[in-house]
C-alpha atoms as a PDB file:
ATOM      1  CA  MET A   1     -18.539   5.878   8.627  1.00  0.00           C
ATOM      2  CA  THR A   2     -14.933   6.925   8.736  1.00  0.00           C
ATOM      3  CA  GLY A   3     -13.452   4.275  11.071  1.00  0.00           C
ATOM      4  CA  GLU A   4     -11.119   2.692   8.539  1.00  0.00           C
ATOM      5  CA  GLN A   5      -7.395   2.935   9.150  1.00  0.00           C
ATOM      6  CA  GLU A   6      -5.595   5.173   6.638  1.00  0.00           C
ATOM      7  CA  TYR A   7      -1.869   4.689   5.828  1.00  0.00           C
ATOM      8  CA  ARG A   8       0.807   6.840   4.333  1.00  0.00           C
ATOM      9  CA  VAL A   9       4.287   6.115   2.957  1.00  0.00           C
ATOM     10  CA  PRO A  10       6.931   7.343   5.450  1.00  0.00           C
ATOM     11  CA  ASP A  11       9.674   9.665   4.166  1.00  0.00           C
ATOM     12  CA  ASP A  12      12.353   7.017   4.867  1.00  0.00           C
ATOM     13  CA  VAL A  13      10.807   4.577   2.364  1.00  0.00           C
ATOM     14  CA  LEU A  14      11.809   4.891  -1.251  1.00  0.00           C
ATOM     15  CA  ALA A  15       9.993   3.231  -4.112  1.00  0.00           C
ATOM     16  CA  ALA A  16      11.078   2.471  -7.643  1.00  0.00           C
ATOM     17  CA  HIS A  17       8.278   1.499  -9.959  1.00  0.00           C
ATOM     18  CA  LEU A  18       9.318  -0.918 -12.707  1.00  0.00           C
ATOM     19  CA  GLU A  19       7.453  -2.724 -15.381  1.00  0.00           C
ATOM     20  CA  GLY A  20       4.907  -4.913 -13.561  1.00  0.00           C
ATOM     21  CA  GLU A  21       6.528  -4.567 -10.123  1.00  0.00           C
ATOM     22  CA  ALA A  22       8.064  -2.235  -7.556  1.00  0.00           C
ATOM     23  CA  VAL A  23      11.092  -2.230  -5.341  1.00  0.00           C
ATOM     24  CA  LEU A  24      10.974  -0.560  -1.929  1.00  0.00           C
ATOM     25  CA  LEU A  25      13.972   0.450   0.077  1.00  0.00           C
ATOM     26  CA  HIS A  26      13.712   1.309   3.793  1.00  0.00           C
ATOM     27  CA  MET A  27      16.468   3.812   4.362  1.00  0.00           C
ATOM     28  CA  ASP A  28      16.735   3.143   8.144  1.00  0.00           C
ATOM     29  CA  THR A  29      16.984  -0.601   7.987  1.00  0.00           C
ATOM     30  CA  LYS A  30      18.585  -0.764   4.468  1.00  0.00           C
ATOM     31  CA  ASP A  31      16.186  -3.651   3.746  1.00  0.00           C
ATOM     32  CA  TYR A  32      14.627  -3.778   0.340  1.00  0.00           C
ATOM     33  CA  TYR A  33      11.394  -5.495  -0.794  1.00  0.00           C
ATOM     34  CA  ARG A  34      10.132  -6.492  -4.183  1.00  0.00           C
ATOM     35  CA  LEU A  35       6.421  -6.133  -4.840  1.00  0.00           C
ATOM     36  CA  ASN A  36       4.526  -8.021  -7.542  1.00  0.00           C
ATOM     37  CA  ALA A  37       2.207  -6.196  -9.876  1.00  0.00           C
ATOM     38  CA  THR A  38      -0.913  -6.202  -7.657  1.00  0.00           C
ATOM     39  CA  ALA A  39       1.121  -5.115  -4.503  1.00  0.00           C
ATOM     40  CA  ALA A  40       2.890  -2.462  -6.615  1.00  0.00           C
ATOM     41  CA  ALA A  41      -0.504  -1.134  -7.751  1.00  0.00           C
ATOM     42  CA  VAL A  42      -1.750  -0.916  -4.148  1.00  0.00           C
ATOM     43  CA  PHE A  43       1.505   0.828  -3.058  1.00  0.00           C
ATOM     44  CA  LYS A  44       1.201   3.290  -5.922  1.00  0.00           C
ATOM     45  CA  GLY A  45      -2.312   4.079  -4.683  1.00  0.00           C
ATOM     46  CA  LEU A  46      -0.942   4.617  -1.162  1.00  0.00           C
ATOM     47  CA  GLU A  47       1.592   7.101  -2.666  1.00  0.00           C
ATOM     48  CA  ARG A  48      -1.395   8.966  -4.204  1.00  0.00           C
ATOM     49  CA  GLY A  49      -3.069   9.127  -0.776  1.00  0.00           C
ATOM     50  CA  LEU A  50      -5.844   6.648  -1.452  1.00  0.00           C
ATOM     51  CA  GLY A  51      -7.757   5.199   1.510  1.00  0.00           C
ATOM     52  CA  ARG A  52      -8.468   1.495   1.905  1.00  0.00           C
ATOM     53  CA  ASP A  53     -11.813   1.437   0.062  1.00  0.00           C
ATOM     54  CA  ALA A  54     -10.303   3.444  -2.831  1.00  0.00           C
ATOM     55  CA  LEU A  55      -7.339   1.056  -2.965  1.00  0.00           C
ATOM     56  CA  VAL A  56      -9.771  -1.858  -3.307  1.00  0.00           C
ATOM     57  CA  ASP A  57     -11.746  -0.031  -6.019  1.00  0.00           C
ATOM     58  CA  ASP A  58      -8.421   0.756  -7.839  1.00  0.00           C
ATOM     59  CA  LEU A  59      -7.328  -2.904  -7.674  1.00  0.00           C
ATOM     60  CA  CYS A  60     -10.663  -4.091  -9.104  1.00  0.00           C
ATOM     61  CA  ALA A  61     -10.385  -1.558 -11.934  1.00  0.00           C
ATOM     62  CA  GLN A  62      -6.800  -2.574 -12.819  1.00  0.00           C
ATOM     63  CA  PHE A  63      -7.195  -6.303 -12.454  1.00  0.00           C
ATOM     64  CA  GLU A  64      -9.893  -8.798 -13.106  1.00  0.00           C
ATOM     65  CA  VAL A  65     -10.618  -9.606  -9.406  1.00  0.00           C
ATOM     66  CA  GLU A  66     -13.728  -9.871  -7.282  1.00  0.00           C
ATOM     67  CA  ARG A  67     -14.218  -7.076  -4.714  1.00  0.00           C
ATOM     68  CA  ALA A  68     -14.026  -9.474  -1.813  1.00  0.00           C
ATOM     69  CA  ASP A  69     -10.771 -10.926  -3.057  1.00  0.00           C
ATOM     70  CA  ALA A  70      -9.345  -7.513  -3.732  1.00  0.00           C
ATOM     71  CA  ALA A  71     -10.341  -6.347  -0.220  1.00  0.00           C
ATOM     72  CA  ALA A  72      -8.617  -9.364   1.407  1.00  0.00           C
ATOM     73  CA  ALA A  73      -5.486  -8.713  -0.639  1.00  0.00           C
ATOM     74  CA  VAL A  74      -5.362  -5.085   0.250  1.00  0.00           C
ATOM     75  CA  ASP A  75      -5.936  -5.818   3.940  1.00  0.00           C
ATOM     76  CA  GLY A  76      -3.223  -8.442   4.035  1.00  0.00           C
ATOM     77  CA  LEU A  77      -0.832  -6.257   2.175  1.00  0.00           C
ATOM     78  CA  LEU A  78      -1.397  -3.225   4.415  1.00  0.00           C
ATOM     79  CA  ALA A  79      -0.936  -5.393   7.516  1.00  0.00           C
ATOM     80  CA  GLU A  80       2.372  -6.742   6.105  1.00  0.00           C
ATOM     81  CA  LEU A  81       3.681  -3.340   4.964  1.00  0.00           C
ATOM     82  CA  ALA A  82       2.810  -1.851   8.351  1.00  0.00           C
ATOM     83  CA  GLU A  83       4.618  -4.633  10.190  1.00  0.00           C
ATOM     84  CA  ARG A  84       7.727  -3.977   8.084  1.00  0.00           C
ATOM     85  CA  ARG A  85       7.336  -0.269   8.702  1.00  0.00           C
ATOM     86  CA  LEU A  86       6.921   0.414   4.953  1.00  0.00           C
ATOM     87  CA  VAL A  87       3.644   2.267   5.715  1.00  0.00           C
ATOM     88  CA  SER A  88       2.524   4.088   8.828  1.00  0.00           C
ATOM     89  CA  PRO A  89      -0.906   5.251  10.109  1.00  0.00           C
ATOM     90  CA  ALA A  90      -1.853   8.451   8.423  1.00  0.00           C
ATOM     91  CA  ASN A  91      -4.216   9.631  11.249  1.00  0.00           C
ATOM     92  CA  ASP A  92      -1.537  10.195  13.874  1.00  0.00           C
ATOM     93  CA  GLY A  93      -2.667  13.515  15.262  1.00  0.00           C
ATOM     94  CA  GLN A  94      -4.606  14.597  12.143  1.00  0.00           C
ATOM     95  CA  GLY A  95      -8.110  15.763  12.498  1.00  0.00           C
END
């Protein structure tokens, strides 16, 4: 079943990955955001084109976390990033 929402990082969002965190800059709004280690890991997965389930798997592999907790964290982060226009739906017009 392929009903899950996929996201991509828009061209106007720049990311700097630092030790244990990341900083995002939205070029249109000039707002910047600091991500903790887990959020930075999820964002890095988004940059690699991972879907939601793969992001959850990646988080479980990198951190000692239960799958249900990782899934809730990924879902919450994706919703927040989308609200702030730091990610956008990847399936806009794609097959």
